[in-house]
């Protein structure tokens, strides 16, 4: 690293990790896109629910920051569709919304969101939450893979 180049991009869990930002508010998209790219994420953007669902099915992002109220399909509808689709159901979903009532949060969790964040929010805190969720998910996937490998017994053992 040279003084002129600034810090090196983060390597590890976030390197080349696809994150989809699905929101119809340009200020939120610009802010989140900047922060996520700065942290080393591969960022995709969708401006409405239909674009979000198409992007999830096409690009298979690891995590989606999903606005609850967008044109076309709502974030709740997108979340339910993702959870019903075997090809993408493991996608992590963070629901972003201005609706902070308990019934709204219950709806988001009921639709299958992994986390629910109310607006306004700190972009720094949200980026940290995303990193924590991805690290936890990676650890769970590694544990599952190691457990599956440990269960397989060699075929050449005597009976």
Protein backbone atom coordinates (compact mmCIF):
# COMPACT_ATOMS: atom_id res chain seq x y z
CA UNK A 1 0.00 0.00 0.00
CA UNK A 2 1.33 3.39 -0.92
CA UNK A 3 0.24 6.52 0.93
CA UNK A 4 -1.48 7.79 -2.22
CA UNK A 5 -3.52 4.63 -2.80
CA UNK A 6 -5.25 4.56 0.57
CA UNK A 7 -6.19 1.40 2.40
CA UNK A 8 -6.27 -1.89 0.56
CA UNK A 9 -9.72 -3.29 -0.11
CA UNK A 10 -10.94 -5.78 2.47
CA UNK A 11 -10.10 -9.35 1.59
CA UNK A 12 -11.74 -12.46 2.97
CA UNK A 13 -15.43 -12.92 3.56
CA UNK A 14 -16.45 -9.85 1.55
CA UNK A 15 -14.07 -10.22 -1.39
CA UNK A 16 -16.19 -10.56 -4.53
CA UNK A 17 -19.32 -11.14 -2.45
CA UNK A 18 -22.36 -9.98 -4.42
CA UNK A 19 -24.75 -7.69 -2.59
CA UNK A 20 -27.95 -6.41 -4.18
CA UNK A 21 -29.33 -3.03 -3.12
CA UNK A 22 -33.03 -2.92 -3.98
CA UNK A 23 -34.51 0.49 -3.21
CA UNK A 24 -36.36 3.17 -5.15
CA UNK A 25 -34.87 6.10 -3.18
CA UNK A 26 -31.80 7.35 -5.12
CA UNK A 27 -30.13 8.92 -2.05
CA UNK A 28 -30.22 5.63 -0.17
CA UNK A 29 -28.96 3.66 -3.18
CA UNK A 30 -26.03 6.05 -3.78
CA UNK A 31 -25.00 6.05 -0.13
CA UNK A 32 -25.24 2.29 0.33
CA UNK A 33 -23.60 1.55 -3.02
CA UNK A 34 -20.63 3.77 -2.13
CA UNK A 35 -20.19 2.22 1.32
CA UNK A 36 -20.56 -1.37 0.11
CA UNK A 37 -18.13 -0.91 -2.78
CA UNK A 38 -15.65 0.74 -0.43
CA UNK A 39 -15.81 -2.37 1.74
CA UNK A 40 -15.01 -4.59 -1.25
CA UNK A 41 -18.46 -5.91 -2.12
CA UNK A 42 -19.58 -6.54 -5.70
CA UNK A 43 -22.69 -4.32 -5.74
CA UNK A 44 -25.80 -4.74 -7.89
CA UNK A 45 -28.72 -2.29 -7.88
CA UNK A 46 -32.44 -2.71 -8.52
CA UNK A 47 -34.90 0.19 -8.48
CA UNK A 48 -38.15 -1.76 -8.04
CA UNK A 49 -39.41 -5.10 -6.79
CA UNK A 50 -39.60 -6.82 -10.17
CA UNK A 51 -36.00 -5.80 -11.02
CA UNK A 52 -34.93 -7.04 -7.58
CA UNK A 53 -36.49 -10.47 -8.02
CA UNK A 54 -35.06 -10.79 -11.54
CA UNK A 55 -31.58 -9.78 -10.30
CA UNK A 56 -31.73 -12.27 -7.43
CA UNK A 57 -32.68 -15.12 -9.74
CA UNK A 58 -30.15 -14.13 -12.42
CA UNK A 59 -27.10 -13.05 -10.37
CA UNK A 60 -27.56 -15.03 -7.12
CA UNK A 61 -26.30 -12.33 -4.72
CA UNK A 62 -25.29 -13.60 -1.31
CA UNK A 63 -27.21 -10.82 0.46
CA UNK A 64 -29.99 -8.38 -0.48
CA UNK A 65 -30.73 -5.02 1.12
CA UNK A 66 -34.43 -4.89 0.29
CA UNK A 67 -36.73 -1.88 0.66
CA UNK A 68 -40.15 -3.00 1.88
CA UNK A 69 -42.11 -0.49 -0.19
CA UNK A 70 -41.11 -0.28 -3.84
CA UNK A 71 -42.98 0.05 -7.12
CA UNK A 72 -44.07 -3.17 -8.78
CA UNK A 73 -43.60 -5.93 -6.25
CA UNK A 74 -43.20 -4.89 -2.63
CA UNK A 75 -40.15 -5.99 -0.70
CA UNK A 76 -42.41 -8.35 1.25
CA UNK A 77 -43.55 -9.96 -2.02
CA UNK A 78 -39.96 -10.27 -3.24
CA UNK A 79 -38.88 -11.82 0.05
CA UNK A 80 -41.70 -14.39 -0.06
CA UNK A 81 -40.88 -15.25 -3.69
CA UNK A 82 -37.20 -15.75 -2.84
CA UNK A 83 -38.01 -18.04 0.08
CA UNK A 84 -40.33 -20.10 -2.16
CA UNK A 85 -37.63 -20.55 -4.85
CA UNK A 86 -35.25 -23.45 -4.09
CA UNK A 87 -32.52 -21.94 -6.30
CA UNK A 88 -32.22 -18.73 -4.27
CA UNK A 89 -33.87 -19.37 -0.91
CA UNK A 90 -30.54 -19.32 0.95
CA UNK A 91 -30.03 -15.66 -0.05
CA UNK A 92 -29.68 -13.48 3.05
CA UNK A 93 -32.26 -10.67 3.14
CA UNK A 94 -32.14 -7.48 5.18
CA UNK A 95 -35.45 -5.65 4.94
CA UNK A 96 -35.10 -1.85 4.95
CA UNK A 97 -38.17 0.21 5.70
CA UNK A 98 -39.55 3.38 7.19
CA UNK A 99 -42.26 1.27 8.81
CA UNK A 100 -41.10 0.57 12.34
CA UNK A 101 -44.25 -0.73 14.00
CA UNK A 102 -44.12 -4.19 15.50
CA UNK A 103 -46.73 -5.45 13.04
CA UNK A 104 -44.56 -4.28 10.13
CA UNK A 105 -41.50 -5.99 11.58
CA UNK A 106 -43.50 -9.17 12.13
CA UNK A 107 -44.62 -9.02 8.50
CA UNK A 108 -41.01 -8.74 7.33
CA UNK A 109 -39.84 -11.60 9.49
CA UNK A 110 -42.91 -13.60 8.47
CA UNK A 111 -42.03 -13.05 4.81
CA UNK A 112 -38.63 -14.58 5.53
CA UNK A 113 -36.32 -11.61 6.13
CA UNK A 114 -33.17 -12.45 8.07
CA UNK A 115 -33.03 -8.94 9.56
CA UNK A 116 -35.23 -5.85 9.67
CA UNK A 117 -33.74 -2.34 9.72
CA UNK A 118 -35.84 0.81 10.06
CA UNK A 119 -35.09 4.05 8.24
CA UNK A 120 -33.35 6.32 8.93
CA UNK A 121 -30.34 4.13 9.69
CA UNK A 122 -26.60 4.57 9.98
CA UNK A 123 -24.95 3.30 6.79
CA UNK A 124 -21.84 2.41 8.81
CA UNK A 125 -23.90 0.33 11.24
CA UNK A 126 -25.72 -1.34 8.36
CA UNK A 127 -22.44 -2.21 6.61
CA UNK A 128 -21.17 -3.73 9.86
CA UNK A 129 -24.41 -5.70 10.25
CA UNK A 130 -24.01 -7.01 6.68
CA UNK A 131 -20.42 -8.07 7.37
CA UNK A 132 -21.47 -9.79 10.61
CA UNK A 133 -24.33 -11.62 8.89
CA UNK A 134 -22.06 -12.80 6.08
CA UNK A 135 -19.39 -13.98 8.53
CA UNK A 136 -21.97 -15.91 10.55
CA UNK A 137 -23.44 -17.42 7.36
CA UNK A 138 -19.98 -18.42 6.12
CA UNK A 139 -19.21 -20.08 9.46
CA UNK A 140 -22.53 -21.97 9.36
CA UNK A 141 -21.90 -23.13 5.78
CA UNK A 142 -18.37 -24.25 6.67
CA UNK A 143 -19.66 -26.15 9.71
CA UNK A 144 -22.34 -27.87 7.63
CA UNK A 145 -19.80 -28.82 4.96
CA UNK A 146 -17.34 -30.15 7.55
CA UNK A 147 -20.09 -32.08 9.34
CA UNK A 148 -21.20 -33.67 6.08
CA UNK A 149 -17.60 -34.62 5.26
CA UNK A 150 -17.07 -36.10 8.73
CA UNK A 151 -20.14 -38.33 8.37
CA UNK A 152 -18.82 -39.95 5.21
CA UNK A 153 -16.94 -43.08 6.23
CA UNK A 154 -14.23 -44.63 4.11
CA UNK A 155 -15.56 -47.50 1.99
CA UNK A 156 -12.53 -49.70 2.48
CA UNK A 157 -12.85 -50.20 6.26
CA UNK A 158 -13.30 -53.77 7.42
CA UNK A 159 -16.77 -54.65 8.66
